[in-house]
Amino acid sequence: MTALFGPSRERLLEILESDDAESQLPITLAHHEPKAVVAKDGELWVVKKLVHDPEATVQAARKAKNEGREFKPEDAWSLMKPGQAIIRARTKTEFISAIKKMKWTFGTGVV
């Protein structure tokens, strides 16, 4: 299994503070596996928790087994969908401020 690492808080802030931040969205936050996604939801800047769809995961695992291949964690990760918003802000400035204040559980990143 390949561990997945998203950007550190510092790198995420660099991206968000850039002039082309919106063009770099969505950004996956990860620590060994995907945990959340940074995106725009309409006019709002958001961090949304990534969640598994158990039914879709079971179906994909069965399909892989029937095809004679292994169902890997990466396969399950690809099925994750954005769930509840952890942070929601109307402006990029408010969003950056919220990112700076939040408890960071997404690792130190290498991106």
C-alpha atoms as a PDB file:
ATOM      1  CA  MET A   1       0.000   0.000   0.000  1.00  0.00           C
ATOM      2  CA  THR A   2       1.259   3.426  -0.920  1.00  0.00           C
ATOM      3  CA  ALA A   3       0.816   6.069   1.757  1.00  0.00           C
ATOM      4  CA  LEU A   4      -0.673   9.322   0.577  1.00  0.00           C
ATOM      5  CA  PHE A   5       0.506  12.685   1.880  1.00  0.00           C
ATOM      6  CA  GLY A   6      -1.114  15.986   1.009  1.00  0.00           C
ATOM      7  CA  PRO A   7       0.341  19.432   1.480  1.00  0.00           C
ATOM      8  CA  SER A   8       1.452  20.695   4.865  1.00  0.00           C
ATOM      9  CA  ARG A   9      -0.505  23.596   6.361  1.00  0.00           C
ATOM     10  CA  GLU A  10       2.321  25.931   5.296  1.00  0.00           C
ATOM     11  CA  ARG A  11       2.229  24.695   1.692  1.00  0.00           C
ATOM     12  CA  LEU A  12      -1.564  24.891   1.585  1.00  0.00           C
ATOM     13  CA  LEU A  13      -1.397  28.498   2.800  1.00  0.00           C
ATOM     14  CA  GLU A  14       1.161  29.305   0.074  1.00  0.00           C
ATOM     15  CA  ILE A  15      -1.201  27.881  -2.536  1.00  0.00           C
ATOM     16  CA  LEU A  16      -4.229  29.713  -1.128  1.00  0.00           C
ATOM     17  CA  GLU A  17      -2.358  33.020  -0.934  1.00  0.00           C
ATOM     18  CA  SER A  18      -1.315  32.780  -4.595  1.00  0.00           C
ATOM     19  CA  ASP A  19      -3.152  34.667  -7.324  1.00  0.00           C
ATOM     20  CA  ASP A  20      -4.149  31.433  -9.056  1.00  0.00           C
ATOM     21  CA  ALA A  21      -5.387  29.571  -5.960  1.00  0.00           C
ATOM     22  CA  GLU A  22      -8.800  28.758  -7.440  1.00  0.00           C
ATOM     23  CA  SER A  23      -7.235  27.122 -10.494  1.00  0.00           C
ATOM     24  CA  GLN A  24      -5.381  24.682  -8.193  1.00  0.00           C
ATOM     25  CA  LEU A  25      -8.567  23.413  -6.520  1.00  0.00           C
ATOM     26  CA  PRO A  26      -9.575  20.848  -5.418  1.00  0.00           C
ATOM     27  CA  ILE A  27      -6.672  20.019  -3.098  1.00  0.00           C
ATOM     28  CA  THR A  28      -6.697  16.740  -1.186  1.00  0.00           C
ATOM     29  CA  LEU A  29      -5.543  16.858   2.430  1.00  0.00           C
ATOM     30  CA  ALA A  30      -4.101  13.549   3.525  1.00  0.00           C
ATOM     31  CA  HIS A  31      -2.129  11.749   6.189  1.00  0.00           C
ATOM     32  CA  HIS A  32      -1.444   8.206   4.969  1.00  0.00           C
ATOM     33  CA  GLU A  33      -4.869   8.284   3.267  1.00  0.00           C
ATOM     34  CA  PRO A  34      -7.199  11.025   1.967  1.00  0.00           C
ATOM     35  CA  LYS A  35      -8.886  12.889   4.837  1.00  0.00           C
ATOM     36  CA  ALA A  36     -10.445  16.057   3.390  1.00  0.00           C
ATOM     37  CA  VAL A  37     -10.646  18.236   0.324  1.00  0.00           C
ATOM     38  CA  VAL A  38     -10.207  21.994  -0.113  1.00  0.00           C
ATOM     39  CA  ALA A  39     -12.592  23.338  -2.741  1.00  0.00           C
ATOM     40  CA  LYS A  40     -15.065  26.016  -3.729  1.00  0.00           C
ATOM     41  CA  ASP A  41     -18.724  25.180  -3.123  1.00  0.00           C
ATOM     42  CA  GLY A  42     -20.570  27.812  -5.086  1.00  0.00           C
ATOM     43  CA  GLU A  43     -19.220  31.084  -3.711  1.00  0.00           C
ATOM     44  CA  LEU A  44     -17.940  29.499  -0.483  1.00  0.00           C
ATOM     45  CA  TRP A  45     -14.408  28.319   0.255  1.00  0.00           C
ATOM     46  CA  VAL A  46     -14.649  24.979   2.065  1.00  0.00           C
ATOM     47  CA  VAL A  47     -12.722  22.138   3.634  1.00  0.00           C
ATOM     48  CA  LYS A  48     -14.914  19.042   3.466  1.00  0.00           C
ATOM     49  CA  LYS A  49     -14.236  15.758   5.210  1.00  0.00           C
ATOM     50  CA  LEU A  50     -13.873  12.856   2.771  1.00  0.00           C
ATOM     51  CA  VAL A  51     -16.134   9.912   3.542  1.00  0.00           C
ATOM     52  CA  HIS A  52     -16.456   6.345   2.336  1.00  0.00           C
ATOM     53  CA  ASP A  53     -19.633   5.046   0.740  1.00  0.00           C
ATOM     54  CA  PRO A  54     -19.738   1.554   2.296  1.00  0.00           C
ATOM     55  CA  GLU A  55     -22.075   0.152  -0.344  1.00  0.00           C
ATOM     56  CA  ALA A  56     -19.967   1.391  -3.256  1.00  0.00           C
ATOM     57  CA  THR A  57     -16.824   0.075  -1.566  1.00  0.00           C
ATOM     58  CA  VAL A  58     -18.301  -3.404  -1.066  1.00  0.00           C
ATOM     59  CA  GLN A  59     -19.524  -3.510  -4.670  1.00  0.00           C
ATOM     60  CA  ALA A  60     -16.120  -2.449  -6.006  1.00  0.00           C
ATOM     61  CA  ALA A  61     -14.336  -5.010  -3.818  1.00  0.00           C
ATOM     62  CA  ARG A  62     -16.636  -7.784  -5.071  1.00  0.00           C
ATOM     63  CA  LYS A  63     -16.095  -6.715  -8.662  1.00  0.00           C
ATOM     64  CA  ALA A  64     -12.309  -6.777  -8.191  1.00  0.00           C
ATOM     65  CA  LYS A  65     -12.518 -10.252  -6.640  1.00  0.00           C
ATOM     66  CA  ASN A  66     -14.699 -11.514  -9.519  1.00  0.00           C
ATOM     67  CA  GLU A  67     -12.135 -10.145 -11.972  1.00  0.00           C
ATOM     68  CA  GLY A  68      -9.335 -11.926 -10.106  1.00  0.00           C
ATOM     69  CA  ARG A  69      -7.584  -8.828  -8.880  1.00  0.00           C
ATOM     70  CA  GLU A  70      -6.800  -7.429  -5.481  1.00  0.00           C
ATOM     71  CA  PHE A  71      -8.895  -4.582  -4.065  1.00  0.00           C
ATOM     72  CA  LYS A  72      -6.336  -2.123  -2.698  1.00  0.00           C
ATOM     73  CA  PRO A  73      -6.735   0.802  -0.305  1.00  0.00           C
ATOM     74  CA  GLU A  74      -6.157   3.104  -3.265  1.00  0.00           C
ATOM     75  CA  ASP A  75      -9.262   1.609  -4.889  1.00  0.00           C
ATOM     76  CA  ALA A  76     -11.328   2.479  -1.815  1.00  0.00           C
ATOM     77  CA  TRP A  77      -9.829   5.974  -1.681  1.00  0.00           C
ATOM     78  CA  SER A  78     -10.933   6.663  -5.244  1.00  0.00           C
ATOM     79  CA  LEU A  79     -14.530   6.084  -4.141  1.00  0.00           C
ATOM     80  CA  MET A  80     -14.431   8.650  -1.316  1.00  0.00           C
ATOM     81  CA  LYS A  81     -16.764  11.633  -1.627  1.00  0.00           C
ATOM     82  CA  PRO A  82     -16.835  15.056   0.030  1.00  0.00           C
ATOM     83  CA  GLY A  83     -19.014  15.030   3.122  1.00  0.00           C
ATOM     84  CA  GLN A  84     -19.656  17.547   5.876  1.00  0.00           C
ATOM     85  CA  ALA A  85     -17.865  20.909   5.749  1.00  0.00           C
ATOM     86  CA  ILE A  86     -15.201  21.336   8.431  1.00  0.00           C
ATOM     87  CA  ILE A  87     -14.556  24.965   7.420  1.00  0.00           C
ATOM     88  CA  ARG A  88     -16.755  27.273   5.393  1.00  0.00           C
ATOM     89  CA  ALA A  89     -15.898  30.895   4.522  1.00  0.00           C
ATOM     90  CA  ARG A  90     -17.293  33.547   2.193  1.00  0.00           C
ATOM     91  CA  THR A  91     -13.936  35.072   1.282  1.00  0.00           C
ATOM     92  CA  LYS A  92     -10.497  33.692   0.622  1.00  0.00           C
ATOM     93  CA  THR A  93      -9.107  35.930   3.385  1.00  0.00           C
ATOM     94  CA  GLU A  94     -11.570  34.525   5.941  1.00  0.00           C
ATOM     95  CA  PHE A  95     -10.784  31.013   4.718  1.00  0.00           C
ATOM     96  CA  ILE A  96      -7.024  31.480   5.098  1.00  0.00           C
ATOM     97  CA  SER A  97      -7.562  32.814   8.609  1.00  0.00           C
ATOM     98  CA  ALA A  98      -9.667  29.764   9.504  1.00  0.00           C
ATOM     99  CA  ILE A  99      -7.008  27.406   8.074  1.00  0.00           C
ATOM    100  CA  LYS A 100      -4.372  29.106  10.241  1.00  0.00           C
ATOM    101  CA  LYS A 101      -6.502  28.639  13.378  1.00  0.00           C
ATOM    102  CA  MET A 102      -7.785  25.100  12.834  1.00  0.00           C
ATOM    103  CA  LYS A 103      -6.327  22.021  14.500  1.00  0.00           C
ATOM    104  CA  TRP A 104      -4.144  20.485  11.783  1.00  0.00           C
ATOM    105  CA  THR A 105      -4.470  16.702  11.576  1.00  0.00           C
ATOM    106  CA  PHE A 106      -3.366  16.241   7.983  1.00  0.00           C
ATOM    107  CA  GLY A 107       0.334  15.588   8.476  1.00  0.00           C
ATOM    108  CA  THR A 108       3.338  17.615   7.500  1.00  0.00           C
ATOM    109  CA  GLY A 109       3.076  16.879   3.798  1.00  0.00           C
ATOM    110  CA  VAL A 110       5.725  16.614   1.150  1.00  0.00           C
ATOM    111  CA  VAL A 111       3.936  18.413  -1.681  1.00  0.00           C
END
